[in-house]
């Protein structure tokens, strides 16, 4: 039962509790990102999925560098070459943007 409750909490957190007003939502935004000590601004595009958990395509200078998804409260990389620390950093920046 604990696993199920954890899943429910993650699902609700991702999909309902921290959503902006739908009238104000945009599927494009920018977030700050630091890699190897260098600051960047990434362009993020929300990509809806068939299971109602959005994925986020992240671009640097117009080039795709990764795609992330928040699954059961944990940010995961679907593709790309970011390390776990960078995935967390980027996920937190996306969370911050989504709660504005």
PDB file of N, CA and C in Angstrom:
ATOM      1  N   UNK A   1       0.815  -1.192   0.000  1.00  0.00           N
ATOM      2  CA  UNK A   1       0.000   0.000   0.000  1.00  0.00           C
ATOM      3  C   UNK A   1       0.865   1.264   0.000  1.00  0.00           C
ATOM      4  N   UNK A   2       2.036   1.234   0.645  1.00  0.00           N
ATOM      5  CA  UNK A   2       2.887   2.410   0.686  1.00  0.00           C
ATOM      6  C   UNK A   2       3.298   2.869  -0.711  1.00  0.00           C
ATOM      7  N   UNK A   3       3.640   1.909  -1.581  1.00  0.00           N
ATOM      8  CA  UNK A   3       4.024   2.254  -2.948  1.00  0.00           C
ATOM      9  C   UNK A   3       2.887   2.934  -3.688  1.00  0.00           C
ATOM     10  N   UNK A   4       1.679   2.457  -3.463  1.00  0.00           N
ATOM     11  CA  UNK A   4       0.516   3.046  -4.115  1.00  0.00           C
ATOM     12  C   UNK A   4       0.276   4.468  -3.616  1.00  0.00           C
ATOM     13  N   UNK A   5       0.385   4.677  -2.309  1.00  0.00           N
ATOM     14  CA  UNK A   5       0.195   6.019  -1.760  1.00  0.00           C
ATOM     15  C   UNK A   5       1.261   6.978  -2.272  1.00  0.00           C
ATOM     16  N   UNK A   6       2.489   6.492  -2.374  1.00  0.00           N
ATOM     17  CA  UNK A   6       3.571   7.317  -2.898  1.00  0.00           C
ATOM     18  C   UNK A   6       3.282   7.705  -4.342  1.00  0.00           C
ATOM     19  N   UNK A   7       2.806   6.741  -5.134  1.00  0.00           N
ATOM     20  CA  UNK A   7       2.470   7.010  -6.530  1.00  0.00           C
ATOM     21  C   UNK A   7       1.358   8.067  -6.612  1.00  0.00           C
ATOM     22  N   UNK A   8       0.309   7.909  -5.786  1.00  0.00           N
ATOM     23  CA  UNK A   8      -0.809   8.854  -5.792  1.00  0.00           C
ATOM     24  C   UNK A   8      -0.339  10.266  -5.449  1.00  0.00           C
ATOM     25  N   UNK A   9       0.481  10.379  -4.426  1.00  0.00           N
ATOM     26  CA  UNK A   9       0.997  11.680  -4.028  1.00  0.00           C
ATOM     27  C   UNK A   9       1.813  12.301  -5.155  1.00  0.00           C
ATOM     28  N   UNK A  10       2.684  11.522  -5.766  1.00  0.00           N
ATOM     29  CA  UNK A  10       3.486  12.016  -6.885  1.00  0.00           C
ATOM     30  C   UNK A  10       2.619  12.453  -8.050  1.00  0.00           C
ATOM     31  N   UNK A  11       1.608  11.655  -8.358  1.00  0.00           N
ATOM     32  CA  UNK A  11       0.707  11.979  -9.468  1.00  0.00           C
ATOM     33  C   UNK A  11      -0.044  13.271  -9.200  1.00  0.00           C
ATOM     34  N   UNK A  12      -0.609  13.396  -7.999  1.00  0.00           N
ATOM     35  CA  UNK A  12      -1.353  14.604  -7.661  1.00  0.00           C
ATOM     36  C   UNK A  12      -0.454  15.822  -7.643  1.00  0.00           C
ATOM     37  N   UNK A  13       0.739  15.678  -7.086  1.00  0.00           N
ATOM     38  CA  UNK A  13       1.685  16.787  -7.035  1.00  0.00           C
ATOM     39  C   UNK A  13       2.043  17.243  -8.436  1.00  0.00           C
ATOM     40  N   UNK A  14       2.321  16.299  -9.315  1.00  0.00           N
ATOM     41  CA  UNK A  14       2.730  16.615 -10.672  1.00  0.00           C
ATOM     42  C   UNK A  14       1.591  17.203 -11.482  1.00  0.00           C
ATOM     43  N   UNK A  15       0.391  16.671 -11.325  1.00  0.00           N
ATOM     44  CA  UNK A  15      -0.680  17.016 -12.239  1.00  0.00           C
ATOM     45  C   UNK A  15      -1.704  18.018 -11.733  1.00  0.00           C
ATOM     46  N   UNK A  16      -1.811  18.213 -10.427  1.00  0.00           N
ATOM     47  CA  UNK A  16      -2.881  19.065  -9.941  1.00  0.00           C
ATOM     48  C   UNK A  16      -2.451  20.150  -8.956  1.00  0.00           C
ATOM     49  N   UNK A  17      -1.673  19.819  -7.986  1.00  0.00           N
ATOM     50  CA  UNK A  17      -1.424  20.752  -6.897  1.00  0.00           C
ATOM     51  C   UNK A  17      -0.610  21.967  -7.297  1.00  0.00           C
ATOM     52  N   UNK A  18       0.280  21.826  -8.271  1.00  0.00           N
ATOM     53  CA  UNK A  18       1.171  22.925  -8.599  1.00  0.00           C
ATOM     54  C   UNK A  18       0.941  23.490  -9.991  1.00  0.00           C
ATOM     55  N   UNK A  19      -0.236  23.285 -10.531  1.00  0.00           N
ATOM     56  CA  UNK A  19      -0.523  23.821 -11.855  1.00  0.00           C
ATOM     57  C   UNK A  19      -0.860  25.304 -11.776  1.00  0.00           C
ATOM     58  N   UNK A  20      -0.459  26.028 -12.813  1.00  0.00           N
ATOM     59  CA  UNK A  20      -0.843  27.421 -12.930  1.00  0.00           C
ATOM     60  C   UNK A  20      -2.309  27.485 -13.344  1.00  0.00           C
ATOM     61  N   UNK A  21      -2.849  28.676 -13.306  1.00  0.00           N
ATOM     62  CA  UNK A  21      -4.179  28.906 -13.851  1.00  0.00           C
ATOM     63  C   UNK A  21      -4.142  28.491 -15.323  1.00  0.00           C
ATOM     64  N   UNK A  22      -5.030  27.586 -15.770  1.00  0.00           N
ATOM     65  CA  UNK A  22      -5.002  27.121 -17.162  1.00  0.00           C
ATOM     66  C   UNK A  22      -5.047  28.258 -18.175  1.00  0.00           C
ATOM     67  N   UNK A  23      -5.717  29.340 -17.862  1.00  0.00           N
ATOM     68  CA  UNK A  23      -5.778  30.452 -18.796  1.00  0.00           C
ATOM     69  C   UNK A  23      -4.416  31.114 -18.973  1.00  0.00           C
ATOM     70  N   UNK A  24      -3.520  30.917 -17.987  1.00  0.00           N
ATOM     71  CA  UNK A  24      -2.209  31.546 -18.044  1.00  0.00           C
ATOM     72  C   UNK A  24      -1.109  30.571 -18.458  1.00  0.00           C
ATOM     73  N   UNK A  25      -1.432  29.303 -18.618  1.00  0.00           N
ATOM     74  CA  UNK A  25      -0.409  28.316 -18.933  1.00  0.00           C
ATOM     75  C   UNK A  25       0.137  28.520 -20.338  1.00  0.00           C
ATOM     76  N   UNK A  26       1.411  28.253 -20.471  1.00  0.00           N
ATOM     77  CA  UNK A  26       2.049  28.265 -21.769  1.00  0.00           C
ATOM     78  C   UNK A  26       2.863  26.993 -21.880  1.00  0.00           C
ATOM     79  N   UNK A  27       3.019  26.515 -23.095  1.00  0.00           N
ATOM     80  CA  UNK A  27       3.801  25.299 -23.233  1.00  0.00           C
ATOM     81  C   UNK A  27       5.246  25.598 -23.614  1.00  0.00           C
ATOM     82  N   UNK A  28       5.630  26.878 -23.586  1.00  0.00           N
ATOM     83  CA  UNK A  28       7.008  27.301 -23.833  1.00  0.00           C
ATOM     84  C   UNK A  28       7.434  28.264 -22.737  1.00  0.00           C
ATOM     85  N   UNK A  29       8.607  28.025 -22.179  1.00  0.00           N
ATOM     86  CA  UNK A  29       9.152  28.943 -21.182  1.00  0.00           C
ATOM     87  C   UNK A  29      10.649  28.731 -21.116  1.00  0.00           C
ATOM     88  N   UNK A  30      11.337  29.580 -20.364  1.00  0.00           N
ATOM     89  CA  UNK A  30      12.785  29.443 -20.205  1.00  0.00           C
ATOM     90  C   UNK A  30      13.112  29.218 -18.740  1.00  0.00           C
ATOM     91  N   UNK A  31      14.225  28.543 -18.499  1.00  0.00           N
ATOM     92  CA  UNK A  31      14.699  28.296 -17.135  1.00  0.00           C
ATOM     93  C   UNK A  31      16.218  28.467 -17.104  1.00  0.00           C
ATOM     94  N   UNK A  32      16.742  28.861 -15.949  1.00  0.00           N
ATOM     95  CA  UNK A  32      18.200  28.949 -15.800  1.00  0.00           C
ATOM     96  C   UNK A  32      18.783  27.549 -15.605  1.00  0.00           C
ATOM     97  N   UNK A  33      20.021  27.376 -16.053  1.00  0.00           N
ATOM     98  CA  UNK A  33      20.683  26.080 -15.944  1.00  0.00           C
ATOM     99  C   UNK A  33      22.183  26.324 -15.881  1.00  0.00           C
ATOM    100  N   UNK A  34      22.866  25.626 -14.980  1.00  0.00           N
ATOM    101  CA  UNK A  34      24.321  25.745 -14.857  1.00  0.00           C
ATOM    102  C   UNK A  34      24.946  24.393 -15.153  1.00  0.00           C
ATOM    103  N   UNK A  35      25.913  24.403 -16.059  1.00  0.00           N
ATOM    104  CA  UNK A  35      26.628  23.171 -16.398  1.00  0.00           C
ATOM    105  C   UNK A  35      28.115  23.461 -16.431  1.00  0.00           C
ATOM    106  N   UNK A  36      28.853  22.667 -15.668  1.00  0.00           N
ATOM    107  CA  UNK A  36      30.308  22.829 -15.570  1.00  0.00           C
ATOM    108  C   UNK A  36      30.673  24.261 -15.191  1.00  0.00           C
ATOM    109  N   UNK A  37      29.866  24.855 -14.297  1.00  0.00           N
ATOM    110  CA  UNK A  37      30.131  26.198 -13.802  1.00  0.00           C
ATOM    111  C   UNK A  37      29.692  27.321 -14.723  1.00  0.00           C
ATOM    112  N   UNK A  38      29.141  26.979 -15.884  1.00  0.00           N
ATOM    113  CA  UNK A  38      28.712  27.995 -16.848  1.00  0.00           C
ATOM    114  C   UNK A  38      27.194  28.159 -16.817  1.00  0.00           C
ATOM    115  N   UNK A  39      26.713  29.406 -16.684  1.00  0.00           N
ATOM    116  CA  UNK A  39      25.262  29.633 -16.657  1.00  0.00           C
ATOM    117  C   UNK A  39      24.675  29.665 -18.068  1.00  0.00           C
ATOM    118  N   UNK A  40      23.498  29.075 -18.224  1.00  0.00           N
ATOM    119  CA  UNK A  40      22.788  29.046 -19.497  1.00  0.00           C
ATOM    120  C   UNK A  40      21.312  29.343 -19.246  1.00  0.00           C
ATOM    121  N   UNK A  41      20.623  29.698 -20.294  1.00  0.00           N
ATOM    122  CA  UNK A  41      19.167  29.781 -20.270  1.00  0.00           C
ATOM    123  C   UNK A  41      18.656  28.749 -21.258  1.00  0.00           C
ATOM    124  N   UNK A  42      17.849  27.817 -20.752  1.00  0.00           N
ATOM    125  CA  UNK A  42      17.301  26.770 -21.615  1.00  0.00           C
ATOM    126  C   UNK A  42      15.874  27.122 -22.002  1.00  0.00           C
ATOM    127  N   UNK A  43      15.528  26.781 -23.229  1.00  0.00           N
ATOM    128  CA  UNK A  43      14.158  26.894 -23.687  1.00  0.00           C
ATOM    129  C   UNK A  43      13.496  25.551 -23.405  1.00  0.00           C
ATOM    130  N   UNK A  44      12.315  25.593 -22.795  1.00  0.00           N
ATOM    131  CA  UNK A  44      11.604  24.373 -22.420  1.00  0.00           C
ATOM    132  C   UNK A  44      10.260  24.354 -23.136  1.00  0.00           C
ATOM    133  N   UNK A  45       9.955  23.216 -23.719  1.00  0.00           N
ATOM    134  CA  UNK A  45       8.670  23.013 -24.404  1.00  0.00           C
ATOM    135  C   UNK A  45       7.954  21.847 -23.740  1.00  0.00           C
ATOM    136  N   UNK A  46       6.727  22.089 -23.286  1.00  0.00           N
ATOM    137  CA  UNK A  46       5.922  21.038 -22.675  1.00  0.00           C
ATOM    138  C   UNK A  46       5.374  20.136 -23.768  1.00  0.00           C
ATOM    139  N   UNK A  47       5.555  18.843 -23.583  1.00  0.00           N
ATOM    140  CA  UNK A  47       5.082  17.857 -24.555  1.00  0.00           C
ATOM    141  C   UNK A  47       4.118  16.911 -23.834  1.00  0.00           C
ATOM    142  N   UNK A  48       2.807  17.038 -24.089  1.00  0.00           N
ATOM    143  CA  UNK A  48       1.844  16.164 -23.413  1.00  0.00           C
ATOM    144  C   UNK A  48       2.097  14.696 -23.769  1.00  0.00           C
ATOM    145  N   UNK A  49       1.766  13.812 -22.843  1.00  0.00           N
ATOM    146  CA  UNK A  49       1.922  12.382 -23.109  1.00  0.00           C
ATOM    147  C   UNK A  49       0.566  11.699 -23.015  1.00  0.00           C
ATOM    148  N   UNK A  50       0.520  10.473 -23.442  1.00  0.00           N
ATOM    149  CA  UNK A  50      -0.745   9.730 -23.437  1.00  0.00           C
ATOM    150  C   UNK A  50      -1.190   9.345 -22.035  1.00  0.00           C
ATOM    151  N   UNK A  51      -0.271   9.357 -21.055  1.00  0.00           N
ATOM    152  CA  UNK A  51      -0.655   9.000 -19.682  1.00  0.00           C
ATOM    153  C   UNK A  51      -0.864  10.224 -18.789  1.00  0.00           C
ATOM    154  N   UNK A  52      -1.024  11.392 -19.395  1.00  0.00           N
ATOM    155  CA  UNK A  52      -1.316  12.643 -18.693  1.00  0.00           C
ATOM    156  C   UNK A  52      -0.193  13.147 -17.803  1.00  0.00           C
ATOM    157  N   UNK A  53       1.017  12.668 -17.968  1.00  0.00           N
ATOM    158  CA  UNK A  53       2.177  13.209 -17.266  1.00  0.00           C
ATOM    159  C   UNK A  53       3.044  13.880 -18.326  1.00  0.00           C
ATOM    160  N   UNK A  54       3.075  15.211 -18.306  1.00  0.00           N
ATOM    161  CA  UNK A  54       3.810  15.946 -19.327  1.00  0.00           C
ATOM    162  C   UNK A  54       5.296  15.625 -19.298  1.00  0.00           C
ATOM    163  N   UNK A  55       5.911  15.714 -20.462  1.00  0.00           N
ATOM    164  CA  UNK A  55       7.355  15.647 -20.555  1.00  0.00           C
ATOM    165  C   UNK A  55       7.836  17.032 -20.988  1.00  0.00           C
ATOM    166  N   UNK A  56       9.111  17.297 -20.775  1.00  0.00           N
ATOM    167  CA  UNK A  56       9.661  18.619 -21.037  1.00  0.00           C
ATOM    168  C   UNK A  56      10.896  18.481 -21.916  1.00  0.00           C
ATOM    169  N   UNK A  57      10.785  19.002 -23.131  1.00  0.00           N
ATOM    170  CA  UNK A  57      11.905  19.005 -24.066  1.00  0.00           C
ATOM    171  C   UNK A  57      12.700  20.276 -23.803  1.00  0.00           C
ATOM    172  N   UNK A  58      13.985  20.115 -23.551  1.00  0.00           N
ATOM    173  CA  UNK A  58      14.842  21.237 -23.180  1.00  0.00           C
ATOM    174  C   UNK A  58      15.853  21.495 -24.285  1.00  0.00           C
ATOM    175  N   UNK A  59      15.946  22.757 -24.683  1.00  0.00           N
ATOM    176  CA  UNK A  59      16.853  23.139 -25.765  1.00  0.00           C
ATOM    177  C   UNK A  59      17.837  24.199 -25.291  1.00  0.00           C
ATOM    178  N   UNK A  60      19.035  24.115 -25.812  1.00  0.00           N
ATOM    179  CA  UNK A  60      20.070  25.114 -25.592  1.00  0.00           C
ATOM    180  C   UNK A  60      20.444  25.662 -26.957  1.00  0.00           C
ATOM    181  N   UNK A  61      20.253  26.961 -27.136  1.00  0.00           N
ATOM    182  CA  UNK A  61      20.522  27.606 -28.425  1.00  0.00           C
ATOM    183  C   UNK A  61      19.786  26.911 -29.568  1.00  0.00           C
ATOM    184  N   UNK A  62      18.553  26.496 -29.312  1.00  0.00           N
ATOM    185  CA  UNK A  62      17.732  25.875 -30.347  1.00  0.00           C
ATOM    186  C   UNK A  62      17.979  24.396 -30.572  1.00  0.00           C
ATOM    187  N   UNK A  63      18.966  23.823 -29.898  1.00  0.00           N
ATOM    188  CA  UNK A  63      19.299  22.404 -30.076  1.00  0.00           C
ATOM    189  C   UNK A  63      18.808  21.600 -28.872  1.00  0.00           C
ATOM    190  N   UNK A  64      18.090  20.527 -29.144  1.00  0.00           N
ATOM    191  CA  UNK A  64      17.590  19.675 -28.065  1.00  0.00           C
ATOM    192  C   UNK A  64      18.746  19.038 -27.310  1.00  0.00           C
ATOM    193  N   UNK A  65      18.698  19.159 -25.958  1.00  0.00           N
ATOM    194  CA  UNK A  65      19.750  18.526 -25.171  1.00  0.00           C
ATOM    195  C   UNK A  65      19.215  17.415 -24.268  1.00  0.00           C
ATOM    196  N   UNK A  66      17.907  17.468 -23.935  1.00  0.00           N
ATOM    197  CA  UNK A  66      17.335  16.419 -23.098  1.00  0.00           C
ATOM    198  C   UNK A  66      15.818  16.493 -23.111  1.00  0.00           C
ATOM    199  N   UNK A  67      15.201  15.439 -22.612  1.00  0.00           N
ATOM    200  CA  UNK A  67      13.761  15.425 -22.367  1.00  0.00           C
ATOM    201  C   UNK A  67      13.557  14.818 -20.984  1.00  0.00           C
ATOM    202  N   UNK A  68      12.827  15.549 -20.130  1.00  0.00           N
ATOM    203  CA  UNK A  68      12.607  15.125 -18.747  1.00  0.00           C
ATOM    204  C   UNK A  68      11.135  14.878 -18.481  1.00  0.00           C
ATOM    205  N   UNK A  69      10.898  14.134 -17.420  1.00  0.00           N
ATOM    206  CA  UNK A  69       9.537  13.850 -16.966  1.00  0.00           C
ATOM    207  C   UNK A  69       9.590  13.671 -15.453  1.00  0.00           C
ATOM    208  N   UNK A  70       8.561  14.170 -14.772  1.00  0.00           N
ATOM    209  CA  UNK A  70       8.486  13.979 -13.327  1.00  0.00           C
ATOM    210  C   UNK A  70       7.555  12.806 -13.075  1.00  0.00           C
ATOM    211  N   UNK A  71       8.124  11.721 -12.586  1.00  0.00           N
ATOM    212  CA  UNK A  71       7.381  10.479 -12.397  1.00  0.00           C
ATOM    213  C   UNK A  71       7.440  10.093 -10.929  1.00  0.00           C
ATOM    214  N   UNK A  72       6.304  10.047 -10.273  1.00  0.00           N
ATOM    215  CA  UNK A  72       6.187   9.715  -8.849  1.00  0.00           C
ATOM    216  C   UNK A  72       7.089  10.647  -8.023  1.00  0.00           C
ATOM    217  N   UNK A  73       7.012  11.939  -8.345  1.00  0.00           N
ATOM    218  CA  UNK A  73       7.743  12.938  -7.580  1.00  0.00           C
ATOM    219  C   UNK A  73       9.227  13.015  -7.863  1.00  0.00           C
ATOM    220  N   UNK A  74       9.727  12.220  -8.800  1.00  0.00           N
ATOM    221  CA  UNK A  74      11.164  12.178  -9.104  1.00  0.00           C
ATOM    222  C   UNK A  74      11.390  12.547 -10.576  1.00  0.00           C
ATOM    223  N   UNK A  75      12.308  13.470 -10.809  1.00  0.00           N
ATOM    224  CA  UNK A  75      12.639  13.848 -12.183  1.00  0.00           C
ATOM    225  C   UNK A  75      13.494  12.767 -12.829  1.00  0.00           C
ATOM    226  N   UNK A  76      13.123  12.390 -14.057  1.00  0.00           N
ATOM    227  CA  UNK A  76      13.847  11.360 -14.806  1.00  0.00           C
ATOM    228  C   UNK A  76      14.126  11.859 -16.212  1.00  0.00           C
ATOM    229  N   UNK A  77      15.249  11.453 -16.739  1.00  0.00           N
ATOM    230  CA  UNK A  77      15.645  11.821 -18.091  1.00  0.00           C
ATOM    231  C   UNK A  77      15.199  10.718 -19.045  1.00  0.00           C
ATOM    232  N   UNK A  78      14.420  11.093 -20.054  1.00  0.00           N
ATOM    233  CA  UNK A  78      13.984  10.117 -21.055  1.00  0.00           C
ATOM    234  C   UNK A  78      15.067   9.907 -22.102  1.00  0.00           C
ATOM    235  N   UNK A  79      15.757  10.973 -22.457  1.00  0.00           N
ATOM    236  CA  UNK A  79      16.929  10.878 -23.316  1.00  0.00           C
ATOM    237  C   UNK A  79      17.789  12.118 -23.087  1.00  0.00           C
ATOM    238  N   UNK A  80      19.035  12.002 -23.434  1.00  0.00           N
ATOM    239  CA  UNK A  80      19.990  13.080 -23.217  1.00  0.00           C
ATOM    240  C   UNK A  80      21.171  12.568 -22.414  1.00  0.00           C
ATOM    241  N   UNK A  81      22.098  13.467 -22.138  1.00  0.00           N
ATOM    242  CA  UNK A  81      23.335  13.061 -21.461  1.00  0.00           C
ATOM    243  C   UNK A  81      23.611  13.874 -20.196  1.00  0.00           C
ATOM    244  N   UNK A  82      22.567  14.287 -19.504  1.00  0.00           N
ATOM    245  CA  UNK A  82      22.769  14.999 -18.245  1.00  0.00           C
ATOM    246  C   UNK A  82      23.031  14.000 -17.126  1.00  0.00           C
ATOM    247  N   UNK A  83      23.843  14.416 -16.149  1.00  0.00           N
ATOM    248  CA  UNK A  83      24.041  13.553 -14.988  1.00  0.00           C
ATOM    249  C   UNK A  83      22.889  13.774 -14.010  1.00  0.00           C
ATOM    250  N   UNK A  84      22.820  12.978 -12.960  1.00  0.00           N
ATOM    251  CA  UNK A  84      21.688  13.035 -12.029  1.00  0.00           C
ATOM    252  C   UNK A  84      21.556  14.399 -11.353  1.00  0.00           C
ATOM    253  N   UNK A  85      22.670  15.007 -11.009  1.00  0.00           N
ATOM    254  CA  UNK A  85      22.641  16.335 -10.393  1.00  0.00           C
ATOM    255  C   UNK A  85      22.052  17.371 -11.355  1.00  0.00           C
ATOM    256  N   UNK A  86      22.434  17.303 -12.618  1.00  0.00           N
ATOM    257  CA  UNK A  86      21.908  18.239 -13.612  1.00  0.00           C
ATOM    258  C   UNK A  86      20.419  17.996 -13.871  1.00  0.00           C
ATOM    259  N   UNK A  87      20.012  16.735 -13.859  1.00  0.00           N
ATOM    260  CA  UNK A  87      18.593  16.399 -14.035  1.00  0.00           C
ATOM    261  C   UNK A  87      17.784  17.020 -12.897  1.00  0.00           C
ATOM    262  N   UNK A  88      18.253  16.864 -11.654  1.00  0.00           N
ATOM    263  CA  UNK A  88      17.572  17.446 -10.493  1.00  0.00           C
ATOM    264  C   UNK A  88      17.520  18.960 -10.591  1.00  0.00           C
ATOM    265  N   UNK A  89      18.653  19.573 -10.939  1.00  0.00           N
ATOM    266  CA  UNK A  89      18.723  21.031 -11.045  1.00  0.00           C
ATOM    267  C   UNK A  89      17.713  21.540 -12.074  1.00  0.00           C
ATOM    268  N   UNK A  90      17.671  20.905 -13.226  1.00  0.00           N
ATOM    269  CA  UNK A  90      16.763  21.316 -14.288  1.00  0.00           C
ATOM    270  C   UNK A  90      15.308  21.058 -13.893  1.00  0.00           C
ATOM    271  N   UNK A  91      15.049  19.911 -13.263  1.00  0.00           N
ATOM    272  CA  UNK A  91      13.701  19.603 -12.800  1.00  0.00           C
ATOM    273  C   UNK A  91      13.200  20.618 -11.783  1.00  0.00           C
ATOM    274  N   UNK A  92      14.069  21.011 -10.870  1.00  0.00           N
ATOM    275  CA  UNK A  92      13.687  22.018  -9.868  1.00  0.00           C
ATOM    276  C   UNK A  92      13.392  23.363 -10.531  1.00  0.00           C
ATOM    277  N   UNK A  93      14.165  23.710 -11.559  1.00  0.00           N
ATOM    278  CA  UNK A  93      13.916  24.968 -12.279  1.00  0.00           C
ATOM    279  C   UNK A  93      12.571  24.905 -13.008  1.00  0.00           C
ATOM    280  N   UNK A  94      12.240  23.751 -13.566  1.00  0.00           N
ATOM    281  CA  UNK A  94      10.934  23.577 -14.225  1.00  0.00           C
ATOM    282  C   UNK A  94       9.822  23.678 -13.196  1.00  0.00           C
ATOM    283  N   UNK A  95       9.976  23.003 -12.052  1.00  0.00           N
ATOM    284  CA  UNK A  95       8.972  23.099 -10.973  1.00  0.00           C
ATOM    285  C   UNK A  95       8.748  24.553 -10.569  1.00  0.00           C
ATOM    286  N   UNK A  96       9.832  25.297 -10.406  1.00  0.00           N
ATOM    287  CA  UNK A  96       9.728  26.704 -10.012  1.00  0.00           C
ATOM    288  C   UNK A  96       8.941  27.491 -11.056  1.00  0.00           C
ATOM    289  N   UNK A  97       9.221  27.271 -12.308  1.00  0.00           N
ATOM    290  CA  UNK A  97       8.505  27.967 -13.375  1.00  0.00           C
ATOM    291  C   UNK A  97       7.030  27.603 -13.399  1.00  0.00           C
ATOM    292  N   UNK A  98       6.726  26.344 -13.173  1.00  0.00           N
ATOM    293  CA  UNK A  98       5.331  25.899 -13.214  1.00  0.00           C
ATOM    294  C   UNK A  98       4.505  26.410 -12.047  1.00  0.00           C
ATOM    295  N   UNK A  99       5.144  26.772 -10.950  1.00  0.00           N
ATOM    296  CA  UNK A  99       4.407  27.264  -9.794  1.00  0.00           C
ATOM    297  C   UNK A  99       4.267  28.788  -9.780  1.00  0.00           C
ATOM    298  N   UNK A 100       4.818  29.449 -10.751  1.00  0.00           N
ATOM    299  CA  UNK A 100       4.707  30.924 -10.817  1.00  0.00           C
ATOM    300  C   UNK A 100       3.277  31.337 -11.103  1.00  0.00           C
TER     301      UNK A 100
END
